[in-house]
Amino acid sequence: MEPKERSKKDILWAVALIAAPVILGIASIGIGRYAIGARDIIECLFAPLFPNAQVSEVTTRVIFNIRLPRVLLALVAGAGLAVAGASFQSIFSNPLATPDTLGVASGASFGAAAAIMLGYKMLYVQLWAVFFGVAAVMVAVVFTSGPKGRGGTIMLILAGMVVGALFSALLSVVKYVADPQDALPGITFWLMGSLTGTTFSRLALGAPLIITGTLALYAIRWRLNVMSLPENEARAIGVNVKLVRIIVIAASTVITAAVIATCGQIGWIGLLVPHIARMIFGSNNKRVIPACIGLGAVFLLVTDTVARSVIPSEIPVSILTAIIGAPIFIVLLRKTGGVK
């Protein structure tokens, strides 16, 4: 492909990945058992531009109290998980790496389940999820540091698997001792992943952490290309391998813990979306990371919209991410022949 044609293609993709979340976000606000027209949505969201608009109070409440916070969380969480997955796959040179590689999801799920079992309010459930998610990764990192913990990324991955298994066992203990009439249903529904009940106050705790982590990974995206090289070669180029690894692990951990704290476990996005981005844009992380932001946001937004509108009773979003994601991944894999 000629450079000019490639440049035009990149511009078209960039415009599409910026416009798609906005357009689909507005469309998603209008979809549901209480349908809202596009004109009412725009007039409500941009009220200062339409001083003579007459939007009903019910419509305004549905948009600002129910639909808008949920749409924003879907966009932010999807983008964050996709970027975290792409970053982990780069630093570990492992196409099967996910944001939970070091056990953050197991730790965060245990923290949230324990808080639900103890009857804490939603704020404390979120705080416990973030704390134990970060703690799980810190345990894995500490066990592989120092003179007796040398072994590079392989030892780190193994430590993450062990810590994840430990917290999964602790989660099973919590589910076993939880009240089957009161706490256990809440824990089970939380672990399935859902964006229902999202409010701006709930979003205020998770969104800043997710956005901060995503921006940190975006800022070092070009260094992720170097991290796929042997460590000695990466250092010879002038990249501080240890610092980049710490930034990626810390940012991805914060993103994943914050997502689980706000909407429970959501799988597949961190594994699937980076592969789709690489099949479209190649393996250069300077293009893959920005693409993951747009693709991840759109993927979770569409999945959540289907989850809450296809049947009267809402489907847990993590179920749909697998049901929708797996066939898409297989089709793209067969069509493109794999990652470029």
Protein backbone atom coordinates (compact mmCIF):
# COMPACT_ATOMS: atom_id res chain seq x y z
CA MET A 1 0.00 0.00 0.00
CA GLU A 2 1.33 3.42 -0.95
CA PRO A 3 2.18 5.85 1.89
CA LYS A 4 -0.56 8.28 0.80
CA GLU A 5 -3.18 5.52 0.72
CA ARG A 6 -2.03 4.25 4.11
CA SER A 7 -2.22 7.77 5.52
CA LYS A 8 -5.77 8.23 4.22
CA LYS A 9 -6.74 4.85 5.64
CA ASP A 10 -5.29 5.75 9.04
CA ILE A 11 -7.17 9.06 9.05
CA LEU A 12 -10.45 7.33 8.19
CA TRP A 13 -9.93 4.76 10.93
CA ALA A 14 -9.03 7.49 13.43
CA VAL A 15 -12.18 9.44 12.61
CA ALA A 16 -14.29 6.27 12.82
CA LEU A 17 -12.82 5.24 16.20
CA ILE A 18 -13.46 8.72 17.63
CA ALA A 19 -16.94 9.14 16.16
CA ALA A 20 -18.25 5.62 16.80
CA PRO A 21 -18.26 5.79 20.64
CA VAL A 22 -20.00 9.18 20.53
CA ILE A 23 -22.66 8.19 17.99
CA LEU A 24 -23.29 4.77 19.52
CA GLY A 25 -23.33 6.30 23.01
CA ILE A 26 -26.12 8.71 22.03
CA ALA A 27 -27.98 5.87 20.31
CA SER A 28 -27.60 3.63 23.37
CA ILE A 29 -29.16 6.27 25.62
CA GLY A 30 -32.33 6.06 23.55
CA ILE A 31 -32.58 2.26 23.53
CA GLY A 32 -34.54 0.47 26.22
CA ARG A 33 -38.04 -0.26 27.47
CA TYR A 34 -38.50 3.51 27.73
CA ALA A 35 -37.48 4.61 24.24
CA ILE A 36 -36.11 8.13 23.79
CA GLY A 37 -35.77 9.92 20.47
CA ALA A 38 -32.46 11.28 19.24
CA ARG A 39 -33.76 14.85 19.28
CA ASP A 40 -34.80 14.63 22.94
CA ILE A 41 -31.41 13.14 23.86
CA ILE A 42 -29.44 15.89 22.13
CA GLU A 43 -31.65 18.65 23.51
CA CYS A 44 -31.35 17.20 27.00
CA LEU A 45 -27.56 16.67 26.90
CA PHE A 46 -26.88 20.06 25.33
CA ALA A 47 -29.65 22.05 27.03
CA PRO A 48 -27.81 25.44 26.93
CA LEU A 49 -27.80 25.26 23.12
CA PHE A 50 -31.56 24.68 23.02
CA PRO A 51 -33.18 27.20 25.39
CA ASN A 52 -36.65 26.60 23.93
CA ALA A 53 -36.47 22.80 24.11
CA GLN A 54 -39.31 21.01 25.87
CA VAL A 55 -38.03 17.71 27.23
CA SER A 56 -40.23 15.96 29.76
CA GLU A 57 -39.06 15.57 33.33
CA VAL A 58 -39.32 11.78 33.09
CA THR A 59 -37.06 11.73 30.03
CA THR A 60 -34.53 13.96 31.76
CA ARG A 61 -34.46 11.71 34.82
CA VAL A 62 -34.07 8.56 32.74
CA ILE A 63 -31.17 10.08 30.81
CA PHE A 64 -29.20 11.59 33.68
CA ASN A 65 -30.04 9.17 36.48
CA ILE A 66 -30.00 5.86 34.61
CA ARG A 67 -28.78 5.80 31.02
CA LEU A 68 -25.98 8.39 30.78
CA PRO A 69 -23.87 7.15 33.75
CA ARG A 70 -24.21 3.60 32.48
CA VAL A 71 -23.14 4.53 28.95
CA LEU A 72 -20.15 6.48 30.25
CA LEU A 73 -19.06 3.56 32.44
CA ALA A 74 -19.34 1.15 29.51
CA LEU A 75 -17.18 3.40 27.32
CA VAL A 76 -14.54 4.00 29.98
CA ALA A 77 -14.39 0.41 31.28
CA GLY A 78 -14.25 -1.13 27.80
CA ALA A 79 -11.44 1.18 26.71
CA GLY A 80 -9.47 0.57 29.92
CA LEU A 81 -9.71 -3.23 29.81
CA ALA A 82 -8.70 -3.36 26.14
CA VAL A 83 -5.65 -1.14 26.68
CA ALA A 84 -4.62 -3.09 29.79
CA GLY A 85 -4.87 -6.36 27.89
CA ALA A 86 -2.82 -5.06 24.95
CA SER A 87 -0.14 -3.74 27.32
CA PHE A 88 0.14 -7.03 29.21
CA GLN A 89 0.39 -8.98 25.97
CA SER A 90 3.27 -6.72 24.94
CA ILE A 91 5.37 -6.75 28.11
CA PHE A 92 4.90 -10.50 28.64
CA SER A 93 5.23 -11.32 24.90
CA ASN A 94 2.26 -13.60 25.39
CA PRO A 95 -0.83 -13.38 23.14
CA LEU A 96 -2.91 -15.07 25.85
CA ALA A 97 -2.10 -12.50 28.54
CA THR A 98 -5.10 -10.68 30.00
CA PRO A 99 -5.53 -7.91 32.59
CA ASP A 100 -6.01 -10.71 35.17
CA THR A 101 -2.66 -12.35 34.45
CA LEU A 102 -1.27 -11.31 37.85
CA GLY A 103 -4.40 -12.12 39.83
CA VAL A 104 -5.96 -8.68 40.15
CA ALA A 105 -9.47 -9.87 39.20
CA SER A 106 -9.41 -12.68 41.77
CA GLY A 107 -8.22 -10.30 44.49
CA ALA A 108 -10.76 -7.62 43.61
CA SER A 109 -13.59 -10.15 43.41
CA PHE A 110 -12.67 -11.51 46.84
CA GLY A 111 -12.63 -8.01 48.31
CA ALA A 112 -16.02 -7.12 46.84
CA ALA A 113 -17.55 -10.45 47.88
CA ALA A 114 -16.24 -10.10 51.45
CA ALA A 115 -17.67 -6.58 51.71
CA ILE A 116 -21.04 -7.72 50.36
CA MET A 117 -21.09 -10.61 52.83
CA LEU A 118 -20.40 -8.21 55.70
CA GLY A 119 -23.30 -6.02 54.59
CA TYR A 120 -21.25 -2.94 53.72
CA LYS A 121 -22.58 -0.14 51.52
CA MET A 122 -21.63 0.12 47.86
CA LEU A 123 -18.86 2.65 48.50
CA TYR A 124 -17.05 0.24 50.80
CA VAL A 125 -17.62 -2.65 48.40
CA GLN A 126 -15.82 -0.63 45.73
CA LEU A 127 -12.99 0.37 48.07
CA TRP A 128 -12.46 -3.21 49.23
CA ALA A 129 -12.40 -4.42 45.62
CA VAL A 130 -9.74 -1.89 44.62
CA PHE A 131 -7.66 -2.53 47.76
CA PHE A 132 -7.58 -6.33 47.46
CA GLY A 133 -7.07 -6.20 43.69
CA VAL A 134 -3.98 -4.05 44.11
CA ALA A 135 -2.85 -6.14 47.11
CA ALA A 136 -3.02 -9.36 45.07
CA VAL A 137 -0.69 -7.98 42.40
CA MET A 138 1.68 -6.53 45.01
CA VAL A 139 1.98 -9.97 46.61
CA ALA A 140 2.87 -11.51 43.25
CA VAL A 141 5.44 -8.79 42.53
CA VAL A 142 7.03 -8.97 45.99
CA PHE A 143 7.43 -12.74 45.79
CA THR A 144 9.35 -12.46 42.51
CA SER A 145 11.60 -9.55 43.54
CA GLY A 146 14.90 -9.71 45.34
CA PRO A 147 17.91 -12.02 44.86
CA LYS A 148 15.88 -15.21 45.40
CA GLY A 149 13.02 -14.18 43.15
CA ARG A 150 14.86 -13.67 39.90
CA GLY A 151 13.28 -15.23 36.86
CA GLY A 152 11.87 -12.38 34.85
CA THR A 153 8.41 -12.40 33.37
CA ILE A 154 7.93 -16.17 33.59
CA MET A 155 8.31 -16.15 37.37
CA LEU A 156 6.00 -13.14 37.57
CA ILE A 157 3.31 -14.89 35.54
CA LEU A 158 3.61 -18.03 37.65
CA ALA A 159 3.39 -15.98 40.84
CA GLY A 160 0.29 -14.25 39.46
CA MET A 161 -1.32 -17.62 38.73
CA VAL A 162 -0.60 -18.81 42.29
CA VAL A 163 -1.92 -15.61 43.88
CA GLY A 164 -4.99 -15.71 41.64
CA ALA A 165 -5.68 -19.31 42.67
CA LEU A 166 -5.26 -18.36 46.35
CA PHE A 167 -7.76 -15.51 46.15
CA SER A 168 -10.15 -17.67 44.10
CA ALA A 169 -10.07 -20.18 46.95
CA LEU A 170 -10.72 -17.41 49.47
CA LEU A 171 -13.62 -16.24 47.31
CA SER A 172 -15.05 -19.75 47.41
CA VAL A 173 -14.80 -19.68 51.20
CA VAL A 174 -16.72 -16.38 51.29
CA LYS A 175 -19.44 -17.79 49.03
CA TYR A 176 -19.64 -20.92 51.20
CA VAL A 177 -20.14 -19.06 54.48
CA ALA A 178 -22.30 -16.23 53.08
CA ASP A 179 -25.97 -16.08 53.91
CA PRO A 180 -27.69 -18.00 51.06
CA GLN A 181 -30.83 -15.89 51.34
CA ASP A 182 -29.28 -12.45 51.49
CA ALA A 183 -25.58 -12.10 50.67
CA LEU A 184 -24.94 -15.03 48.31
CA PRO A 185 -27.29 -13.89 45.50
CA GLY A 186 -25.68 -10.45 45.58
CA ILE A 187 -22.18 -11.95 45.41
CA THR A 188 -23.13 -14.26 42.54
CA PHE A 189 -24.73 -11.47 40.53
CA TRP A 190 -21.73 -9.21 41.15
CA LEU A 191 -19.30 -11.85 39.90
CA MET A 192 -21.30 -12.22 36.67
CA GLY A 193 -20.61 -8.59 35.83
CA SER A 194 -23.27 -5.97 35.29
CA LEU A 195 -23.51 -2.24 34.75
CA THR A 196 -27.01 -2.00 36.18
CA GLY A 197 -27.57 0.57 38.90
CA THR A 198 -24.66 2.74 37.76
CA THR A 199 -24.87 6.29 39.11
CA PHE A 200 -22.60 9.31 38.84
CA SER A 201 -21.49 8.83 42.44
CA ARG A 202 -20.55 5.22 41.72
CA LEU A 203 -18.87 6.29 38.51
CA ALA A 204 -16.89 8.99 40.33
CA LEU A 205 -14.80 6.43 42.21
CA GLY A 206 -13.94 4.11 39.34
CA ALA A 207 -13.76 6.35 36.26
CA PRO A 208 -10.84 8.58 37.38
CA LEU A 209 -8.72 5.51 38.17
CA ILE A 210 -9.55 3.86 34.85
CA ILE A 211 -8.89 7.04 32.84
CA THR A 212 -5.60 7.74 34.67
CA GLY A 213 -4.34 4.21 34.05
CA THR A 214 -5.39 4.31 30.41
CA LEU A 215 -3.63 7.63 29.81
CA ALA A 216 -0.47 6.32 31.47
CA LEU A 217 -0.39 3.32 29.12
CA TYR A 218 -1.16 5.55 26.14
CA ALA A 219 1.78 7.79 27.05
CA ILE A 220 4.29 4.91 26.93
CA ARG A 221 2.77 3.07 23.97
CA TRP A 222 5.88 3.33 21.81
CA ARG A 223 8.01 1.76 24.56
CA LEU A 224 5.76 -1.28 24.52
CA ASN A 225 7.17 -2.17 21.11
CA VAL A 226 10.66 -2.33 22.59
CA MET A 227 9.47 -4.50 25.49
CA SER A 228 8.89 -7.38 23.06
CA LEU A 229 12.65 -7.52 22.46
CA PRO A 230 15.07 -9.42 24.73
CA GLU A 231 15.78 -7.41 27.87
CA ASN A 232 19.43 -6.74 26.99
CA GLU A 233 18.50 -5.35 23.58
CA ALA A 234 15.77 -3.16 25.06
CA ARG A 235 18.25 -1.70 27.55
CA ALA A 236 20.79 -1.12 24.77
CA ILE A 237 18.21 1.01 22.94
CA GLY A 238 17.91 3.16 26.06
CA VAL A 239 14.62 1.94 27.54
CA ASN A 240 14.38 1.49 31.29
CA VAL A 241 12.82 -1.97 31.17
CA LYS A 242 12.13 -2.20 34.90
CA LEU A 243 10.43 1.20 35.03
CA VAL A 244 8.25 0.49 31.98
CA ARG A 245 7.23 -2.86 33.42
CA ILE A 246 6.31 -1.26 36.75
CA ILE A 247 4.24 1.43 35.02
CA VAL A 248 2.38 -1.12 32.88
CA ILE A 249 1.68 -3.45 35.80
CA ALA A 250 0.59 -0.60 38.09
CA ALA A 251 -1.63 1.09 35.48
CA SER A 252 -3.22 -2.16 34.30
CA THR A 253 -3.82 -3.28 37.89
CA VAL A 254 -5.54 -0.01 38.80
CA ILE A 255 -7.69 -0.18 35.65
CA THR A 256 -8.81 -3.75 36.22
CA ALA A 257 -9.44 -3.31 39.95
CA ALA A 258 -11.46 -0.15 39.31
CA VAL A 259 -13.57 -1.86 36.61
CA ILE A 260 -14.35 -4.79 38.89
CA ALA A 261 -15.12 -2.37 41.72
CA THR A 262 -17.72 -0.57 39.61
CA CYS A 263 -19.30 -3.34 37.53
CA GLY A 264 -17.95 -6.73 38.59
CA GLN A 265 -15.97 -9.22 36.51
CA ILE A 266 -16.08 -8.65 32.75
CA GLY A 267 -14.04 -11.08 30.73
CA TRP A 268 -12.85 -11.38 27.13
CA ILE A 269 -12.42 -7.69 26.38
CA GLY A 270 -8.77 -7.59 27.47
CA LEU A 271 -8.02 -10.68 25.38
CA LEU A 272 -10.22 -10.21 22.33
CA VAL A 273 -10.05 -6.50 21.49
CA PRO A 274 -6.22 -6.22 21.32
CA HIS A 275 -6.14 -9.09 18.82
CA ILE A 276 -8.81 -7.42 16.70
CA ALA A 277 -6.82 -4.17 16.80
CA ARG A 278 -3.65 -5.96 15.69
CA MET A 279 -5.46 -7.75 12.87
CA ILE A 280 -6.63 -4.36 11.56
CA PHE A 281 -3.66 -2.09 12.31
CA GLY A 282 -0.66 -4.44 12.62
CA SER A 283 1.52 -5.01 15.68
CA ASN A 284 2.81 -1.46 16.23
CA ASN A 285 1.55 -0.40 19.65
CA LYS A 286 1.64 3.27 18.63
CA ARG A 287 -1.43 2.39 16.56
CA VAL A 288 -2.76 -0.58 18.54
CA ILE A 289 -3.17 1.22 21.88
CA PRO A 290 -5.27 4.12 20.47
CA ALA A 291 -7.29 1.60 18.45
CA CYS A 292 -7.96 -0.44 21.60
CA ILE A 293 -9.43 2.63 23.28
CA GLY A 294 -12.06 3.06 20.57
CA LEU A 295 -12.70 -0.62 19.89
CA GLY A 296 -12.89 -1.57 23.57
CA ALA A 297 -15.30 1.26 24.33
CA VAL A 298 -17.58 0.33 21.42
CA PHE A 299 -17.46 -3.40 22.19
CA LEU A 300 -18.55 -3.08 25.82
CA LEU A 301 -21.12 -0.38 25.00
CA VAL A 302 -22.79 -2.53 22.33
CA THR A 303 -22.65 -5.62 24.54
CA ASP A 304 -24.19 -3.82 27.52
CA THR A 305 -26.91 -2.27 25.34
CA VAL A 306 -27.86 -5.73 24.07
CA ALA A 307 -27.70 -7.13 27.61
CA ARG A 308 -30.26 -4.68 28.96
CA SER A 309 -32.61 -4.48 25.99
CA VAL A 310 -32.82 -7.87 24.26
CA ILE A 311 -35.07 -9.45 26.94
CA PRO A 312 -37.11 -7.98 29.83
CA SER A 313 -34.76 -9.39 32.48
CA GLU A 314 -31.19 -8.14 32.06
CA ILE A 315 -28.48 -10.57 30.95
CA PRO A 316 -25.14 -10.40 32.85
CA VAL A 317 -22.77 -8.59 30.53
CA SER A 318 -19.86 -11.01 31.05
CA ILE A 319 -21.97 -13.79 29.53
CA LEU A 320 -22.61 -11.74 26.40
CA THR A 321 -18.97 -10.66 26.03
CA ALA A 322 -18.09 -14.33 25.57
CA ILE A 323 -21.12 -15.23 23.43
CA ILE A 324 -20.61 -12.23 21.11
CA GLY A 325 -16.84 -12.04 21.31
CA ALA A 326 -15.90 -15.65 20.57
CA PRO A 327 -17.63 -15.89 17.15
CA ILE A 328 -16.31 -12.47 16.12
CA PHE A 329 -12.79 -13.52 17.05
CA ILE A 330 -13.06 -16.80 15.13
CA VAL A 331 -14.41 -15.06 12.01
CA LEU A 332 -11.67 -12.42 12.06
CA LEU A 333 -9.01 -15.06 12.67
CA ARG A 334 -10.13 -17.09 9.66
CA LYS A 335 -10.50 -14.00 7.50
CA THR A 336 -7.14 -12.42 8.26
CA GLY A 337 -5.08 -15.53 8.93
CA GLY A 338 -3.98 -14.23 12.36
CA VAL A 339 -2.12 -11.26 13.72
CA LYS A 340 -0.13 -9.26 11.18
